[in-house]
Amino acid sequence: MVGVSETSEPEDHVVAAALTTPEEWREFLERYGERYLKDSASSEELVDLLDDDQLEVLDRGGRVELWLGEAPAREEALAASEERLGLRFPPSLRGFYLASDGWTRLDAWVSGVYPCGSVLWMRDGDAGRRVTEIYDSIPGNEDDVRLFRRSLEIAGGEDFWLLDPTDVGPDGEWAAYEFAPKYGNPTKYPSFSALFHSGYENMA
């Protein structure tokens, strides 16, 4: 339901230092895949995600590594995306892309982090433009509309992941938001890394 909303802050977890290097991201994303396999993947998903040998290992209680991302982005591709958008990505997002150019299976409402070449201004995407227009038509949503118009959309689906390049912390990280249009309450995190960590912590 669309209505007046206030930005909320994540609760009940400690935000770890932002991951900024490809090596840090690679280690974290490998843990993410392992945890997703253990806690969140359905039986049907397992058949799609794993080959027969991996399924057999899993059935025996063994450990299977699952990579839910892509190959690392090349520095040239990352620079081209930044030039297209007219800015340089914050450290944690750059480190992520140099480890994996995109990611799948974030949660039921966000399909995945876009490859760097598909990152866009929320105002320019079809879904983002529609949400912005709807919110702009209802008095009281001015703060949200301003956020939408200045933010990058880095992941989408029914919900959005956004980064605000006008809200920069002392570490160079941009404020990040998880936004569910049906609830109308953007949740703010201090960085892309912290937002990604939240999904890991909340995995069930």
N, C-alpha and C. Protein backbone atom coordinates (compact mmCIF):
# COMPACT_ATOMS: atom_id res chain seq x y z
N MET A 1 0.84 -1.19 0.00
CA MET A 1 0.00 0.00 0.00
C MET A 1 0.88 1.24 0.00
N VAL A 2 0.60 2.16 -0.91
CA VAL A 2 1.39 3.36 -1.02
C VAL A 2 0.86 4.41 -0.06
N GLY A 3 1.76 5.08 0.61
CA GLY A 3 1.34 6.13 1.52
C GLY A 3 2.55 6.86 2.06
N VAL A 4 2.34 7.74 2.96
CA VAL A 4 3.42 8.49 3.57
C VAL A 4 4.32 7.52 4.32
N SER A 5 5.62 7.65 4.15
CA SER A 5 6.53 6.71 4.79
C SER A 5 7.69 7.45 5.41
N GLU A 6 8.30 6.80 6.38
CA GLU A 6 9.51 7.32 6.99
C GLU A 6 10.62 6.31 6.80
N THR A 7 11.79 6.80 6.48
CA THR A 7 12.93 5.91 6.32
C THR A 7 13.25 5.25 7.64
N SER A 8 13.37 3.95 7.63
CA SER A 8 13.68 3.23 8.85
C SER A 8 15.12 2.75 8.81
N GLU A 9 15.64 2.48 9.99
CA GLU A 9 17.00 1.98 10.13
C GLU A 9 16.95 0.50 10.48
N PRO A 10 17.89 -0.30 9.97
CA PRO A 10 17.92 -1.72 10.35
C PRO A 10 18.17 -1.86 11.84
N GLU A 11 17.53 -2.85 12.44
CA GLU A 11 17.64 -3.05 13.88
C GLU A 11 18.24 -4.41 14.19
N ASP A 12 18.73 -4.51 15.42
CA ASP A 12 19.11 -5.79 16.00
C ASP A 12 20.25 -6.51 15.29
N HIS A 13 21.12 -5.76 14.64
CA HIS A 13 22.33 -6.39 14.15
C HIS A 13 23.43 -5.35 14.08
N VAL A 14 24.66 -5.82 14.24
CA VAL A 14 25.81 -4.95 14.19
C VAL A 14 26.31 -4.89 12.75
N VAL A 15 26.50 -3.69 12.22
CA VAL A 15 26.97 -3.55 10.86
C VAL A 15 28.48 -3.75 10.83
N ALA A 16 28.91 -4.73 10.07
CA ALA A 16 30.34 -5.01 9.96
C ALA A 16 30.99 -3.96 9.07
N ALA A 17 32.31 -3.88 9.16
CA ALA A 17 33.05 -2.98 8.28
C ALA A 17 32.76 -3.35 6.83
N ALA A 18 32.68 -2.33 5.99
CA ALA A 18 32.34 -2.56 4.59
C ALA A 18 33.39 -3.44 3.91
N LEU A 19 32.93 -4.38 3.12
CA LEU A 19 33.82 -5.17 2.28
C LEU A 19 34.20 -4.31 1.07
N THR A 20 35.47 -4.17 0.81
CA THR A 20 35.87 -3.28 -0.28
C THR A 20 36.77 -3.94 -1.32
N THR A 21 37.41 -5.05 -1.00
CA THR A 21 38.31 -5.68 -1.96
C THR A 21 37.64 -6.89 -2.60
N PRO A 22 38.03 -7.23 -3.83
CA PRO A 22 37.47 -8.44 -4.46
C PRO A 22 37.70 -9.69 -3.63
N GLU A 23 38.84 -9.75 -2.97
CA GLU A 23 39.16 -10.93 -2.15
C GLU A 23 38.20 -11.05 -0.97
N GLU A 24 37.91 -9.93 -0.30
CA GLU A 24 36.96 -9.95 0.81
C GLU A 24 35.57 -10.36 0.33
N TRP A 25 35.18 -9.81 -0.82
CA TRP A 25 33.86 -10.15 -1.35
C TRP A 25 33.78 -11.62 -1.76
N ARG A 26 34.83 -12.11 -2.38
CA ARG A 26 34.80 -13.49 -2.83
C ARG A 26 34.61 -14.44 -1.64
N GLU A 27 35.33 -14.18 -0.57
CA GLU A 27 35.20 -15.02 0.63
C GLU A 27 33.78 -14.94 1.20
N PHE A 28 33.25 -13.72 1.28
CA PHE A 28 31.91 -13.55 1.82
C PHE A 28 30.85 -14.21 0.92
N LEU A 29 30.98 -14.02 -0.39
CA LEU A 29 29.99 -14.57 -1.32
C LEU A 29 30.02 -16.10 -1.33
N GLU A 30 31.17 -16.67 -1.12
CA GLU A 30 31.23 -18.14 -1.00
C GLU A 30 30.48 -18.60 0.24
N ARG A 31 30.63 -17.86 1.35
CA ARG A 31 29.88 -18.20 2.56
C ARG A 31 28.38 -18.01 2.33
N TYR A 32 28.04 -16.96 1.60
CA TYR A 32 26.64 -16.70 1.28
C TYR A 32 26.03 -17.89 0.52
N GLY A 33 26.74 -18.35 -0.49
CA GLY A 33 26.24 -19.48 -1.27
C GLY A 33 26.08 -20.73 -0.42
N GLU A 34 27.04 -20.97 0.45
CA GLU A 34 26.97 -22.14 1.33
C GLU A 34 25.77 -22.04 2.27
N ARG A 35 25.55 -20.84 2.81
CA ARG A 35 24.43 -20.67 3.73
C ARG A 35 23.09 -20.75 2.99
N TYR A 36 23.05 -20.18 1.79
CA TYR A 36 21.82 -20.25 1.01
C TYR A 36 21.46 -21.72 0.73
N LEU A 37 22.46 -22.48 0.38
CA LEU A 37 22.24 -23.90 0.09
C LEU A 37 21.70 -24.63 1.31
N LYS A 38 22.21 -24.28 2.47
CA LYS A 38 21.84 -24.96 3.71
C LYS A 38 20.47 -24.51 4.23
N ASP A 39 20.20 -23.20 4.15
CA ASP A 39 19.05 -22.64 4.85
C ASP A 39 17.86 -22.25 3.98
N SER A 40 18.11 -21.92 2.71
CA SER A 40 17.05 -21.28 1.94
C SER A 40 16.63 -21.99 0.67
N ALA A 41 17.49 -22.79 0.09
CA ALA A 41 17.16 -23.40 -1.19
C ALA A 41 16.08 -24.46 -1.04
N SER A 42 15.09 -24.42 -1.91
CA SER A 42 14.04 -25.43 -1.91
C SER A 42 14.53 -26.68 -2.65
N SER A 43 13.77 -27.74 -2.54
CA SER A 43 14.16 -28.99 -3.22
C SER A 43 14.21 -28.80 -4.73
N GLU A 44 13.25 -28.04 -5.28
CA GLU A 44 13.25 -27.82 -6.72
C GLU A 44 14.44 -26.99 -7.15
N GLU A 45 14.80 -26.00 -6.32
CA GLU A 45 15.97 -25.17 -6.63
C GLU A 45 17.24 -26.00 -6.65
N LEU A 46 17.36 -26.91 -5.71
CA LEU A 46 18.58 -27.71 -5.63
C LEU A 46 18.81 -28.47 -6.92
N VAL A 47 17.76 -28.99 -7.52
CA VAL A 47 17.90 -29.73 -8.78
C VAL A 47 18.42 -28.81 -9.88
N ASP A 48 17.98 -27.55 -9.87
CA ASP A 48 18.42 -26.59 -10.87
C ASP A 48 19.83 -26.08 -10.60
N LEU A 49 20.17 -25.95 -9.33
CA LEU A 49 21.44 -25.33 -8.96
C LEU A 49 22.62 -26.29 -8.96
N LEU A 50 22.37 -27.57 -8.70
CA LEU A 50 23.46 -28.53 -8.51
C LEU A 50 23.41 -29.64 -9.55
N ASP A 51 24.58 -30.19 -9.86
CA ASP A 51 24.60 -31.35 -10.75
C ASP A 51 24.39 -32.62 -9.91
N ASP A 52 24.33 -33.76 -10.57
CA ASP A 52 24.03 -35.02 -9.88
C ASP A 52 25.07 -35.36 -8.82
N ASP A 53 26.34 -35.12 -9.14
CA ASP A 53 27.40 -35.43 -8.18
C ASP A 53 27.27 -34.56 -6.93
N GLN A 54 26.98 -33.28 -7.13
CA GLN A 54 26.83 -32.38 -5.98
C GLN A 54 25.62 -32.75 -5.14
N LEU A 55 24.53 -33.13 -5.80
CA LEU A 55 23.34 -33.55 -5.06
C LEU A 55 23.63 -34.79 -4.22
N GLU A 56 24.43 -35.70 -4.76
CA GLU A 56 24.77 -36.91 -4.01
C GLU A 56 25.62 -36.56 -2.79
N VAL A 57 26.57 -35.65 -2.96
CA VAL A 57 27.40 -35.21 -1.83
C VAL A 57 26.53 -34.57 -0.76
N LEU A 58 25.58 -33.74 -1.21
CA LEU A 58 24.69 -33.06 -0.26
C LEU A 58 23.82 -34.07 0.48
N ASP A 59 23.34 -35.08 -0.23
CA ASP A 59 22.51 -36.11 0.40
C ASP A 59 23.29 -36.88 1.47
N ARG A 60 24.59 -37.00 1.28
CA ARG A 60 25.42 -37.72 2.26
C ARG A 60 25.86 -36.81 3.40
N GLY A 61 25.39 -35.57 3.37
CA GLY A 61 25.75 -34.63 4.43
C GLY A 61 27.07 -33.92 4.20
N GLY A 62 27.59 -34.03 2.98
CA GLY A 62 28.85 -33.38 2.66
C GLY A 62 28.69 -31.90 2.35
N ARG A 63 29.81 -31.24 2.17
CA ARG A 63 29.83 -29.79 1.90
C ARG A 63 29.92 -29.54 0.40
N VAL A 64 29.02 -28.70 -0.09
CA VAL A 64 29.00 -28.35 -1.51
C VAL A 64 29.14 -26.84 -1.63
N GLU A 65 30.05 -26.40 -2.48
CA GLU A 65 30.21 -24.97 -2.72
C GLU A 65 29.23 -24.53 -3.81
N LEU A 66 28.56 -23.41 -3.57
CA LEU A 66 27.58 -22.90 -4.52
C LEU A 66 27.90 -21.44 -4.82
N TRP A 67 28.15 -21.13 -6.07
CA TRP A 67 28.42 -19.75 -6.49
C TRP A 67 27.18 -19.22 -7.20
N LEU A 68 26.55 -18.22 -6.61
CA LEU A 68 25.31 -17.67 -7.15
C LEU A 68 25.55 -16.42 -7.98
N GLY A 69 26.82 -16.15 -8.27
CA GLY A 69 27.15 -14.94 -9.01
C GLY A 69 27.62 -15.23 -10.42
N GLU A 70 28.39 -14.27 -10.93
CA GLU A 70 28.93 -14.35 -12.28
C GLU A 70 30.44 -14.25 -12.20
N ALA A 71 31.07 -14.27 -13.35
CA ALA A 71 32.51 -14.01 -13.41
C ALA A 71 32.77 -12.57 -12.99
N PRO A 72 33.96 -12.27 -12.49
CA PRO A 72 34.25 -10.89 -12.12
C PRO A 72 34.13 -9.94 -13.30
N ALA A 73 33.69 -8.72 -13.03
CA ALA A 73 33.67 -7.70 -14.06
C ALA A 73 35.10 -7.26 -14.35
N ARG A 74 35.37 -6.96 -15.59
CA ARG A 74 36.66 -6.40 -15.94
C ARG A 74 36.70 -4.93 -15.54
N GLU A 75 37.85 -4.46 -15.18
CA GLU A 75 37.99 -3.05 -14.79
C GLU A 75 37.50 -2.13 -15.90
N GLU A 76 37.74 -2.52 -17.14
CA GLU A 76 37.30 -1.69 -18.26
C GLU A 76 35.78 -1.59 -18.32
N ALA A 77 35.08 -2.69 -18.04
CA ALA A 77 33.62 -2.67 -18.04
C ALA A 77 33.09 -1.83 -16.90
N LEU A 78 33.75 -1.93 -15.75
CA LEU A 78 33.34 -1.14 -14.59
C LEU A 78 33.52 0.34 -14.87
N ALA A 79 34.66 0.70 -15.45
CA ALA A 79 34.92 2.11 -15.77
C ALA A 79 33.93 2.63 -16.81
N ALA A 80 33.55 1.78 -17.77
CA ALA A 80 32.59 2.20 -18.78
C ALA A 80 31.22 2.46 -18.16
N SER A 81 30.82 1.64 -17.20
CA SER A 81 29.54 1.85 -16.52
C SER A 81 29.57 3.14 -15.72
N GLU A 82 30.68 3.39 -15.06
CA GLU A 82 30.80 4.62 -14.28
C GLU A 82 30.76 5.84 -15.19
N GLU A 83 31.42 5.75 -16.33
CA GLU A 83 31.41 6.87 -17.28
C GLU A 83 30.00 7.11 -17.81
N ARG A 84 29.28 6.03 -18.11
CA ARG A 84 27.90 6.15 -18.60
C ARG A 84 27.01 6.85 -17.59
N LEU A 85 27.20 6.56 -16.31
CA LEU A 85 26.36 7.13 -15.27
C LEU A 85 26.88 8.46 -14.73
N GLY A 86 28.14 8.79 -15.06
CA GLY A 86 28.71 10.06 -14.66
C GLY A 86 29.19 10.11 -13.22
N LEU A 87 29.64 8.98 -12.69
CA LEU A 87 30.14 8.94 -11.30
C LEU A 87 31.03 7.72 -11.12
N ARG A 88 31.72 7.68 -9.99
CA ARG A 88 32.52 6.51 -9.64
C ARG A 88 31.81 5.77 -8.52
N PHE A 89 31.64 4.48 -8.68
CA PHE A 89 30.94 3.68 -7.69
C PHE A 89 31.67 3.73 -6.34
N PRO A 90 30.93 3.58 -5.23
CA PRO A 90 31.57 3.54 -3.93
C PRO A 90 32.43 2.28 -3.77
N PRO A 91 33.37 2.30 -2.82
CA PRO A 91 34.34 1.19 -2.71
C PRO A 91 33.72 -0.19 -2.59
N SER A 92 32.67 -0.34 -1.77
CA SER A 92 32.14 -1.70 -1.58
C SER A 92 31.46 -2.22 -2.84
N LEU A 93 30.82 -1.35 -3.61
CA LEU A 93 30.19 -1.81 -4.85
C LEU A 93 31.25 -2.15 -5.89
N ARG A 94 32.30 -1.35 -5.97
CA ARG A 94 33.39 -1.65 -6.90
C ARG A 94 34.02 -3.01 -6.56
N GLY A 95 34.31 -3.21 -5.27
CA GLY A 95 34.91 -4.47 -4.86
C GLY A 95 34.02 -5.66 -5.18
N PHE A 96 32.71 -5.48 -4.99
CA PHE A 96 31.77 -6.54 -5.32
C PHE A 96 31.84 -6.90 -6.80
N TYR A 97 31.77 -5.87 -7.66
CA TYR A 97 31.77 -6.16 -9.10
C TYR A 97 33.08 -6.78 -9.58
N LEU A 98 34.17 -6.45 -8.93
CA LEU A 98 35.44 -7.06 -9.31
C LEU A 98 35.56 -8.49 -8.79
N ALA A 99 34.60 -8.91 -7.96
CA ALA A 99 34.51 -10.30 -7.52
C ALA A 99 33.43 -11.05 -8.29
N SER A 100 32.31 -10.37 -8.61
CA SER A 100 31.19 -11.01 -9.30
C SER A 100 30.35 -9.95 -9.99
N ASP A 101 30.18 -10.08 -11.29
CA ASP A 101 29.42 -9.08 -12.04
C ASP A 101 27.93 -9.42 -12.01
N GLY A 102 27.36 -9.31 -10.80
CA GLY A 102 25.95 -9.62 -10.58
C GLY A 102 25.79 -10.74 -9.58
N TRP A 103 24.54 -10.91 -9.12
CA TRP A 103 24.25 -11.93 -8.10
C TRP A 103 22.78 -12.29 -8.16
N THR A 104 22.47 -13.54 -7.91
CA THR A 104 21.08 -13.99 -7.93
C THR A 104 20.64 -14.44 -6.55
N ARG A 105 19.33 -14.68 -6.43
CA ARG A 105 18.73 -15.25 -5.22
C ARG A 105 19.07 -14.45 -3.96
N LEU A 106 18.67 -13.17 -3.99
CA LEU A 106 18.83 -12.34 -2.80
C LEU A 106 17.71 -12.62 -1.81
N ASP A 107 16.47 -12.51 -2.27
CA ASP A 107 15.32 -12.89 -1.46
C ASP A 107 14.13 -13.06 -2.38
N ALA A 108 12.98 -13.28 -1.83
CA ALA A 108 11.80 -13.56 -2.65
C ALA A 108 11.36 -12.36 -3.46
N TRP A 109 11.77 -11.14 -3.05
CA TRP A 109 11.24 -9.94 -3.68
C TRP A 109 12.26 -9.17 -4.49
N VAL A 110 13.53 -9.54 -4.40
CA VAL A 110 14.58 -8.91 -5.19
C VAL A 110 15.29 -10.01 -5.95
N SER A 111 15.22 -9.95 -7.29
CA SER A 111 15.72 -11.06 -8.08
C SER A 111 17.23 -11.17 -8.09
N GLY A 112 17.94 -10.04 -7.97
CA GLY A 112 19.38 -10.11 -7.93
C GLY A 112 20.02 -8.76 -8.18
N VAL A 113 21.31 -8.67 -7.86
CA VAL A 113 22.08 -7.47 -8.16
C VAL A 113 22.39 -7.46 -9.65
N TYR A 114 22.14 -6.34 -10.30
CA TYR A 114 22.37 -6.23 -11.73
C TYR A 114 23.86 -6.30 -12.07
N PRO A 115 24.21 -6.81 -13.25
CA PRO A 115 25.59 -6.62 -13.73
C PRO A 115 25.90 -5.13 -13.81
N CYS A 116 27.19 -4.78 -13.74
CA CYS A 116 27.52 -3.36 -13.70
C CYS A 116 27.01 -2.62 -14.93
N GLY A 117 26.96 -3.30 -16.08
CA GLY A 117 26.48 -2.65 -17.29
C GLY A 117 24.99 -2.39 -17.31
N SER A 118 24.25 -2.94 -16.34
CA SER A 118 22.79 -2.75 -16.28
C SER A 118 22.35 -1.85 -15.14
N VAL A 119 23.29 -1.38 -14.33
CA VAL A 119 22.93 -0.43 -13.27
C VAL A 119 22.40 0.83 -13.92
N LEU A 120 21.35 1.41 -13.34
CA LEU A 120 20.72 2.58 -13.94
C LEU A 120 20.19 3.51 -12.86
N TRP A 121 19.89 4.73 -13.26
CA TRP A 121 19.18 5.63 -12.36
C TRP A 121 17.76 5.12 -12.20
N MET A 122 17.26 5.08 -10.99
CA MET A 122 15.90 4.58 -10.77
C MET A 122 14.90 5.33 -11.63
N ARG A 123 15.11 6.61 -11.80
CA ARG A 123 14.18 7.44 -12.57
C ARG A 123 14.13 7.05 -14.04
N ASP A 124 15.16 6.31 -14.53
CA ASP A 124 15.22 5.95 -15.94
C ASP A 124 14.67 4.56 -16.24
N GLY A 125 14.50 3.73 -15.24
CA GLY A 125 13.98 2.39 -15.46
C GLY A 125 12.45 2.39 -15.52
N ASP A 126 11.89 1.45 -16.24
CA ASP A 126 10.43 1.40 -16.38
C ASP A 126 9.75 1.23 -15.02
N ALA A 127 10.20 0.25 -14.24
CA ALA A 127 9.57 -0.01 -12.94
C ALA A 127 9.82 1.16 -11.99
N GLY A 128 11.05 1.66 -11.97
CA GLY A 128 11.36 2.78 -11.09
C GLY A 128 10.58 4.03 -11.44
N ARG A 129 10.43 4.29 -12.73
CA ARG A 129 9.66 5.46 -13.16
C ARG A 129 8.20 5.35 -12.74
N ARG A 130 7.65 4.14 -12.88
CA ARG A 130 6.24 3.96 -12.48
C ARG A 130 6.06 4.18 -10.98
N VAL A 131 6.95 3.61 -10.19
CA VAL A 131 6.85 3.77 -8.74
C VAL A 131 6.99 5.24 -8.37
N THR A 132 7.95 5.92 -8.99
CA THR A 132 8.16 7.34 -8.69
C THR A 132 6.92 8.16 -9.03
N GLU A 133 6.31 7.89 -10.17
CA GLU A 133 5.11 8.63 -10.57
C GLU A 133 3.96 8.38 -9.61
N ILE A 134 3.80 7.14 -9.17
CA ILE A 134 2.72 6.83 -8.23
C ILE A 134 2.94 7.55 -6.91
N TYR A 135 4.15 7.47 -6.39
CA TYR A 135 4.44 8.14 -5.12
C TYR A 135 4.32 9.65 -5.24
N ASP A 136 4.72 10.18 -6.40
CA ASP A 136 4.66 11.63 -6.60
C ASP A 136 3.23 12.14 -6.66
N SER A 137 2.29 11.25 -6.98
CA SER A 137 0.89 11.66 -7.10
C SER A 137 0.18 11.73 -5.75
N ILE A 138 0.85 11.29 -4.68
CA ILE A 138 0.23 11.24 -3.35
C ILE A 138 0.94 12.22 -2.42
N PRO A 139 0.25 13.20 -1.90
CA PRO A 139 0.89 14.17 -0.99
C PRO A 139 1.51 13.46 0.22
N GLY A 140 2.65 13.97 0.63
CA GLY A 140 3.34 13.41 1.79
C GLY A 140 4.50 12.51 1.46
N ASN A 141 4.66 12.17 0.18
CA ASN A 141 5.73 11.27 -0.23
C ASN A 141 6.94 12.01 -0.82
N GLU A 142 7.04 13.30 -0.56
CA GLU A 142 8.07 14.11 -1.22
C GLU A 142 9.49 13.60 -0.95
N ASP A 143 9.77 13.20 0.28
CA ASP A 143 11.12 12.73 0.60
C ASP A 143 11.47 11.46 -0.18
N ASP A 144 10.52 10.54 -0.26
CA ASP A 144 10.75 9.32 -1.02
C ASP A 144 10.98 9.63 -2.49
N VAL A 145 10.18 10.51 -3.06
CA VAL A 145 10.30 10.85 -4.48
C VAL A 145 11.67 11.47 -4.76
N ARG A 146 12.13 12.34 -3.89
CA ARG A 146 13.46 12.92 -4.08
C ARG A 146 14.53 11.83 -4.01
N LEU A 147 14.38 10.88 -3.08
CA LEU A 147 15.32 9.77 -3.00
C LEU A 147 15.34 8.97 -4.30
N PHE A 148 14.16 8.64 -4.82
CA PHE A 148 14.08 7.85 -6.05
C PHE A 148 14.76 8.57 -7.21
N ARG A 149 14.55 9.85 -7.32
CA ARG A 149 15.06 10.60 -8.47
C ARG A 149 16.57 10.78 -8.46
N ARG A 150 17.20 10.65 -7.29
CA ARG A 150 18.64 10.85 -7.22
C ARG A 150 19.42 9.55 -7.04
N SER A 151 18.72 8.42 -6.93
CA SER A 151 19.37 7.16 -6.58
C SER A 151 19.64 6.25 -7.77
N LEU A 152 20.70 5.45 -7.62
CA LEU A 152 20.96 4.38 -8.56
C LEU A 152 20.18 3.15 -8.15
N GLU A 153 19.62 2.47 -9.12
CA GLU A 153 18.94 1.19 -8.90
C GLU A 153 19.95 0.09 -9.23
N ILE A 154 20.33 -0.68 -8.22
CA ILE A 154 21.36 -1.70 -8.43
C ILE A 154 20.81 -3.12 -8.36
N ALA A 155 19.59 -3.24 -7.87
CA ALA A 155 18.93 -4.55 -7.82
C ALA A 155 17.44 -4.31 -7.85
N GLY A 156 16.71 -5.22 -8.44
CA GLY A 156 15.27 -5.02 -8.55
C GLY A 156 14.51 -6.31 -8.62
N GLY A 157 13.23 -6.15 -8.76
CA GLY A 157 12.26 -7.22 -8.76
C GLY A 157 10.97 -6.58 -8.32
N GLU A 158 10.27 -7.18 -7.38
CA GLU A 158 9.13 -6.49 -6.78
C GLU A 158 9.60 -5.35 -5.87
N ASP A 159 10.74 -5.56 -5.22
CA ASP A 159 11.35 -4.53 -4.39
C ASP A 159 12.62 -4.02 -5.08
N PHE A 160 13.24 -3.00 -4.48
CA PHE A 160 14.42 -2.37 -5.07
C PHE A 160 15.55 -2.28 -4.06
N TRP A 161 16.78 -2.32 -4.57
CA TRP A 161 17.95 -1.90 -3.83
C TRP A 161 18.46 -0.63 -4.49
N LEU A 162 18.67 0.41 -3.67
CA LEU A 162 19.07 1.71 -4.18
C LEU A 162 20.33 2.19 -3.49
N LEU A 163 21.12 3.00 -4.19
CA LEU A 163 22.27 3.68 -3.61
C LEU A 163 22.14 5.17 -3.87
N ASP A 164 22.37 5.97 -2.84
CA ASP A 164 22.22 7.42 -2.92
C ASP A 164 23.59 8.09 -3.00
N PRO A 165 24.00 8.57 -4.17
CA PRO A 165 25.35 9.15 -4.31
C PRO A 165 25.49 10.51 -3.65
N THR A 166 24.39 11.08 -3.15
CA THR A 166 24.48 12.37 -2.47
C THR A 166 24.69 12.21 -0.96
N ASP A 167 24.63 11.00 -0.46
CA ASP A 167 24.78 10.73 0.97
C ASP A 167 26.01 9.85 1.16
N VAL A 168 27.16 10.47 1.34
CA VAL A 168 28.44 9.78 1.36
C VAL A 168 29.03 9.82 2.76
N GLY A 169 29.42 8.66 3.26
CA GLY A 169 30.03 8.57 4.59
C GLY A 169 31.51 8.90 4.55
N PRO A 170 32.14 8.99 5.71
CA PRO A 170 33.57 9.31 5.78
C PRO A 170 34.46 8.26 5.13
N ASP A 171 33.94 7.04 4.97
CA ASP A 171 34.69 5.97 4.31
C ASP A 171 34.47 5.94 2.81
N GLY A 172 33.71 6.92 2.29
CA GLY A 172 33.43 6.96 0.86
C GLY A 172 32.25 6.12 0.43
N GLU A 173 31.61 5.44 1.39
CA GLU A 173 30.44 4.62 1.06
C GLU A 173 29.18 5.47 0.95
N TRP A 174 28.29 5.08 0.04
CA TRP A 174 27.01 5.76 -0.13
C TRP A 174 25.94 5.08 0.71
N ALA A 175 24.99 5.86 1.17
CA ALA A 175 23.83 5.28 1.84
C ALA A 175 23.11 4.34 0.88
N ALA A 176 22.68 3.20 1.40
CA ALA A 176 21.99 2.19 0.60
C ALA A 176 20.59 1.98 1.19
N TYR A 177 19.66 1.62 0.32
CA TYR A 177 18.27 1.44 0.75
C TYR A 177 17.68 0.17 0.18
N GLU A 178 16.94 -0.51 1.02
CA GLU A 178 16.06 -1.58 0.56
C GLU A 178 14.66 -0.99 0.58
N PHE A 179 13.98 -1.02 -0.56
CA PHE A 179 12.69 -0.35 -0.67
C PHE A 179 11.63 -1.29 -1.20
N ALA A 180 10.56 -1.46 -0.41
CA ALA A 180 9.42 -2.30 -0.79
C ALA A 180 8.23 -1.38 -1.08
N PRO A 181 7.89 -1.16 -2.35
CA PRO A 181 6.80 -0.24 -2.68
C PRO A 181 5.48 -0.54 -1.97
N LYS A 182 5.18 -1.81 -1.77
CA LYS A 182 3.87 -2.13 -1.17
C LYS A 182 3.80 -1.74 0.30
N TYR A 183 4.97 -1.56 0.95
CA TYR A 183 4.98 -1.14 2.35
C TYR A 183 5.34 0.32 2.52
N GLY A 184 6.04 0.89 1.55
CA GLY A 184 6.34 2.30 1.59
C GLY A 184 7.28 2.73 2.69
N ASN A 185 8.29 1.91 2.99
CA ASN A 185 9.22 2.31 4.05
C ASN A 185 10.65 1.95 3.66
N PRO A 186 11.35 2.84 2.97
CA PRO A 186 12.75 2.55 2.63
C PRO A 186 13.57 2.31 3.90
N THR A 187 14.31 1.23 3.91
CA THR A 187 15.19 0.92 5.04
C THR A 187 16.61 1.30 4.66
N LYS A 188 17.24 2.14 5.48
CA LYS A 188 18.55 2.70 5.16
C LYS A 188 19.68 1.90 5.80
N TYR A 189 20.75 1.72 5.04
CA TYR A 189 21.98 1.09 5.50
C TYR A 189 23.15 2.00 5.16
N PRO A 190 24.26 1.87 5.86
CA PRO A 190 25.38 2.78 5.60
C PRO A 190 26.17 2.49 4.33
N SER A 191 25.93 1.34 3.71
CA SER A 191 26.69 0.99 2.51
C SER A 191 26.03 -0.16 1.78
N PHE A 192 26.44 -0.36 0.53
CA PHE A 192 26.01 -1.53 -0.22
C PHE A 192 26.40 -2.81 0.51
N SER A 193 27.61 -2.82 1.07
CA SER A 193 28.09 -3.98 1.81
C SER A 193 27.17 -4.32 2.97
N ALA A 194 26.76 -3.29 3.72
CA ALA A 194 25.88 -3.52 4.87
C ALA A 194 24.51 -4.05 4.43
N LEU A 195 24.01 -3.54 3.31
CA LEU A 195 22.74 -4.02 2.78
C LEU A 195 22.84 -5.49 2.39
N PHE A 196 23.91 -5.87 1.73
CA PHE A 196 24.10 -7.25 1.33
C PHE A 196 24.23 -8.15 2.56
N HIS A 197 24.97 -7.66 3.56
CA HIS A 197 25.12 -8.42 4.81
C HIS A 197 23.77 -8.67 5.48
N SER A 198 22.87 -7.69 5.40
CA SER A 198 21.57 -7.85 6.02
C SER A 198 20.83 -9.04 5.43
N GLY A 199 20.91 -9.20 4.11
CA GLY A 199 20.27 -10.35 3.48
C GLY A 199 20.87 -11.66 3.95
N TYR A 200 22.18 -11.67 4.16
CA TYR A 200 22.86 -12.86 4.66
C TYR A 200 22.39 -13.19 6.09
N GLU A 201 22.33 -12.15 6.92
CA GLU A 201 21.94 -12.35 8.32
C GLU A 201 20.49 -12.82 8.45
N ASN A 202 19.64 -12.35 7.54
CA ASN A 202 18.22 -12.66 7.65
C ASN A 202 17.83 -13.92 6.89
N MET A 203 18.79 -14.57 6.29
CA MET A 203 18.49 -15.76 5.52
C MET A 203 17.88 -16.84 6.42
N ALA A 204 16.84 -17.45 5.94
CA ALA A 204 16.22 -18.51 6.72
C ALA A 204 15.72 -19.61 5.82
